[in-house]
C-alpha atoms as a PDB file:
ATOM      1  CA  MET A   1      -6.656   8.858 -17.047  1.00  0.00           C
ATOM      2  CA  PRO A   2      -7.672  12.528 -16.856  1.00  0.00           C
ATOM      3  CA  VAL A   3     -11.145  11.706 -18.222  1.00  0.00           C
ATOM      4  CA  LEU A   4     -11.742   8.405 -16.445  1.00  0.00           C
ATOM      5  CA  GLN A   5     -10.848   9.725 -13.036  1.00  0.00           C
ATOM      6  CA  LYS A   6     -13.582  12.372 -13.304  1.00  0.00           C
ATOM      7  CA  LEU A   7     -16.291   9.630 -13.434  1.00  0.00           C
ATOM      8  CA  HIS A   8     -17.412  10.195  -9.916  1.00  0.00           C
ATOM      9  CA  ASN A   9     -19.681   7.109  -9.554  1.00  0.00           C
ATOM     10  CA  LEU A  10     -17.103   4.635 -10.953  1.00  0.00           C
ATOM     11  CA  ARG A  11     -16.640   1.837  -8.365  1.00  0.00           C
ATOM     12  CA  SER A  12     -14.437  -0.653 -10.329  1.00  0.00           C
ATOM     13  CA  LEU A  13     -11.924  -0.225 -13.030  1.00  0.00           C
ATOM     14  CA  TYR A  14     -10.143  -2.972 -15.022  1.00  0.00           C
ATOM     15  CA  LEU A  15      -7.351  -1.628 -17.249  1.00  0.00           C
ATOM     16  CA  ASN A  16      -6.162  -4.498 -19.403  1.00  0.00           C
ATOM     17  CA  ASP A  17      -3.425  -4.845 -21.976  1.00  0.00           C
ATOM     18  CA  ARG A  18      -3.945  -2.183 -24.605  1.00  0.00           C
ATOM     19  CA  SER A  19      -6.471  -0.125 -22.610  1.00  0.00           C
ATOM     20  CA  TYR A  20      -3.525   2.015 -21.401  1.00  0.00           C
ATOM     21  CA  ILE A  21      -0.381   2.274 -23.457  1.00  0.00           C
ATOM     22  CA  GLY A  22       1.522   5.122 -21.822  1.00  0.00           C
ATOM     23  CA  SER A  23       4.722   4.687 -19.775  1.00  0.00           C
ATOM     24  CA  SER A  24       3.435   6.906 -16.897  1.00  0.00           C
ATOM     25  CA  MET A  25       0.103   6.873 -15.257  1.00  0.00           C
ATOM     26  CA  VAL A  26      -1.028   9.599 -12.722  1.00  0.00           C
ATOM     27  CA  CYS A  27      -4.063   9.366 -10.485  1.00  0.00           C
ATOM     28  CA  SER A  28      -4.584  13.061  -9.702  1.00  0.00           C
ATOM     29  CA  LYS A  29      -5.726  14.691  -6.572  1.00  0.00           C
ATOM     30  CA  GLY A  30      -9.456  14.110  -6.143  1.00  0.00           C
ATOM     31  CA  GLY A  31      -9.500  11.572  -8.874  1.00  0.00           C
ATOM     32  CA  PHE A  32     -11.651   8.389  -8.729  1.00  0.00           C
ATOM     33  CA  PRO A  33     -13.478   9.491  -5.612  1.00  0.00           C
ATOM     34  CA  GLN A  34     -15.735   6.433  -5.377  1.00  0.00           C
ATOM     35  CA  LEU A  35     -13.415   3.777  -6.884  1.00  0.00           C
ATOM     36  CA  LEU A  36     -13.162   0.631  -4.617  1.00  0.00           C
ATOM     37  CA  VAL A  37     -11.299  -1.758  -6.901  1.00  0.00           C
ATOM     38  CA  LEU A  38      -8.526  -1.076  -9.447  1.00  0.00           C
ATOM     39  CA  LYS A  39      -7.151  -4.013 -11.487  1.00  0.00           C
ATOM     40  CA  MET A  40      -4.265  -3.464 -13.846  1.00  0.00           C
ATOM     41  CA  PRO A  41      -3.130  -6.640 -15.702  1.00  0.00           C
ATOM     42  CA  PHE A  42      -0.649  -6.753 -18.580  1.00  0.00           C
ATOM     43  CA  LEU A  43       0.178  -3.074 -18.930  1.00  0.00           C
ATOM     44  CA  PHE A  44       3.562  -3.833 -20.487  1.00  0.00           C
ATOM     45  CA  ASN A  45       4.527  -0.275 -21.206  1.00  0.00           C
ATOM     46  CA  LEU A  46       3.819   1.090 -17.714  1.00  0.00           C
ATOM     47  CA  GLU A  47       7.013   2.172 -15.954  1.00  0.00           C
ATOM     48  CA  GLU A  48       5.656   4.560 -13.394  1.00  0.00           C
ATOM     49  CA  LEU A  49       2.389   4.822 -11.373  1.00  0.00           C
ATOM     50  CA  ILE A  50       1.866   8.050  -9.420  1.00  0.00           C
ATOM     51  CA  LEU A  51      -0.867   8.209  -6.813  1.00  0.00           C
ATOM     52  CA  GLU A  52      -1.314  11.822  -5.827  1.00  0.00           C
ATOM     53  CA  GLU A  53      -2.587  12.708  -2.362  1.00  0.00           C
ATOM     54  CA  GLN A  54      -6.394  12.491  -2.110  1.00  0.00           C
ATOM     55  CA  ALA A  55      -6.696  10.344  -5.171  1.00  0.00           C
ATOM     56  CA  LEU A  56      -8.480   7.000  -4.903  1.00  0.00           C
ATOM     57  CA  GLN A  57      -9.747   7.967  -1.404  1.00  0.00           C
ATOM     58  CA  LYS A  58     -11.970   4.883  -1.081  1.00  0.00           C
ATOM     59  CA  LEU A  59      -9.883   2.238  -2.820  1.00  0.00           C
ATOM     60  CA  VAL A  60      -9.825  -1.130  -0.896  1.00  0.00           C
ATOM     61  CA  GLU A  61      -8.268  -3.364  -3.481  1.00  0.00           C
ATOM     62  CA  LEU A  62      -5.389  -2.813  -5.880  1.00  0.00           C
ATOM     63  CA  GLU A  63      -4.284  -5.624  -8.260  1.00  0.00           C
ATOM     64  CA  ILE A  64      -1.203  -5.316 -10.482  1.00  0.00           C
ATOM     65  CA  VAL A  65      -0.487  -8.316 -12.716  1.00  0.00           C
ATOM     66  CA  TYR A  66       2.497  -8.805 -15.018  1.00  0.00           C
ATOM     67  CA  CYS A  67       3.425  -5.154 -15.458  1.00  0.00           C
ATOM     68  CA  ASP A  68       7.092  -6.122 -15.819  1.00  0.00           C
ATOM     69  CA  SER A  69       8.212  -2.586 -16.768  1.00  0.00           C
ATOM     70  CA  LEU A  70       6.656  -1.020 -13.708  1.00  0.00           C
ATOM     71  CA  LYS A  71       9.582   0.215 -11.496  1.00  0.00           C
ATOM     72  CA  VAL A  72       8.132   3.216  -9.641  1.00  0.00           C
ATOM     73  CA  LEU A  73       4.969   3.374  -7.545  1.00  0.00           C
ATOM     74  CA  THR A  74       4.820   6.716  -5.936  1.00  0.00           C
ATOM     75  CA  GLY A  75       2.166   7.668  -3.398  1.00  0.00           C
ATOM     76  CA  LEU A  76       1.215   4.221  -2.155  1.00  0.00           C
ATOM     77  CA  GLU A  77       1.128   5.701   1.339  1.00  0.00           C
ATOM     78  CA  ASN A  78      -1.779   8.002   0.207  1.00  0.00           C
ATOM     79  CA  LEU A  79      -4.121   5.016  -0.166  1.00  0.00           C
ATOM     80  CA  LYS A  80      -5.438   5.215   3.473  1.00  0.00           C
ATOM     81  CA  THR A  81      -8.368   2.823   2.848  1.00  0.00           C
ATOM     82  CA  LEU A  82      -6.370   0.154   1.003  1.00  0.00           C
ATOM     83  CA  GLN A  83      -7.038  -3.367   2.461  1.00  0.00           C
ATOM     84  CA  GLN A  84      -5.634  -5.642  -0.126  1.00  0.00           C
ATOM     85  CA  LEU A  85      -2.744  -5.397  -2.548  1.00  0.00           C
ATOM     86  CA  LYS A  86      -2.426  -8.211  -5.087  1.00  0.00           C
ATOM     87  CA  LEU A  87       0.784  -8.523  -7.070  1.00  0.00           C
ATOM     88  CA  THR A  88       1.371 -11.239  -9.668  1.00  0.00           C
ATOM     89  CA  ASN A  89       4.450 -11.835 -11.850  1.00  0.00           C
ATOM     90  CA  MET A  90       6.201  -8.582 -10.848  1.00  0.00           C
ATOM     91  CA  SER A  91       9.952  -8.024 -10.659  1.00  0.00           C
ATOM     92  CA  LYS A  92      11.728  -8.919  -7.507  1.00  0.00           C
ATOM     93  CA  GLU A  93      12.970  -5.367  -7.185  1.00  0.00           C
ATOM     94  CA  PHE A  94       9.399  -4.062  -7.328  1.00  0.00           C
ATOM     95  CA  ILE A  95       8.225  -6.611  -4.714  1.00  0.00           C
ATOM     96  CA  ALA A  96      11.085  -5.660  -2.465  1.00  0.00           C
ATOM     97  CA  THR A  97      10.130  -1.972  -2.613  1.00  0.00           C
ATOM     98  CA  ILE A  98       6.514  -2.754  -1.936  1.00  0.00           C
ATOM     99  CA  GLU A  99       7.421  -4.872   1.097  1.00  0.00           C
ATOM    100  CA  GLU A 100       9.639  -2.125   2.487  1.00  0.00           C
ATOM    101  CA  THR A 101       6.814   0.397   2.034  1.00  0.00           C
ATOM    102  CA  LYS A 102       4.378  -1.887   3.738  1.00  0.00           C
ATOM    103  CA  VAL A 103       6.572  -2.192   6.815  1.00  0.00           C
ATOM    104  CA  ARG A 104       6.766   1.592   7.077  1.00  0.00           C
ATOM    105  CA  ILE A 105       3.108   2.431   6.339  1.00  0.00           C
ATOM    106  CA  TRP A 106       0.677  -0.476   6.936  1.00  0.00           C
ATOM    107  CA  ALA A 107       1.016  -3.115   9.636  1.00  0.00           C
ATOM    108  CA  ASN A 108      -2.261  -4.757   8.723  1.00  0.00           C
ATOM    109  CA  LEU A 109      -2.320  -4.548   4.881  1.00  0.00           C
ATOM    110  CA  ALA A 110      -2.825  -7.922   3.232  1.00  0.00           C
ATOM    111  CA  ILE A 111      -0.360  -8.282   0.386  1.00  0.00           C
ATOM    112  CA  LEU A 112      -0.800 -11.329  -1.869  1.00  0.00           C
ATOM    113  CA  ILE A 113       2.200 -11.980  -4.019  1.00  0.00           C
ATOM    114  CA  ARG A 114       2.164 -14.651  -6.669  1.00  0.00           C
ATOM    115  CA  GLN A 115       5.439 -15.295  -8.525  1.00  0.00           C
ATOM    116  CA  PRO A 116       6.602 -18.022 -10.854  1.00  0.00           C
ATOM    117  CA  TRP A 117      10.162 -17.926  -9.567  1.00  0.00           C
END
């Protein structure tokens, strides 16, 4: 992510399957300054997503699909412009954590949860 997040004009990013194979992903301070949409399907090895303060300052949509190893999402409260969070086939524990965070931080955030269970 260190190189990608320096692409200042990037508006949309789709990280699929083998495009990211690490267990921890960090969006650093000042990273992705123009990114509006981030979609992350099938990142099976991802266990932790860290969103540092002042990263993704214009993000309006975040979609996470079937990242079943993802347990920790730190810094969600830093996404001040986020309007829509889409979660599909995520663990019940992860969903519960997100819903708890939503209650504390965003009253008006639209969260779309799609689960097979």
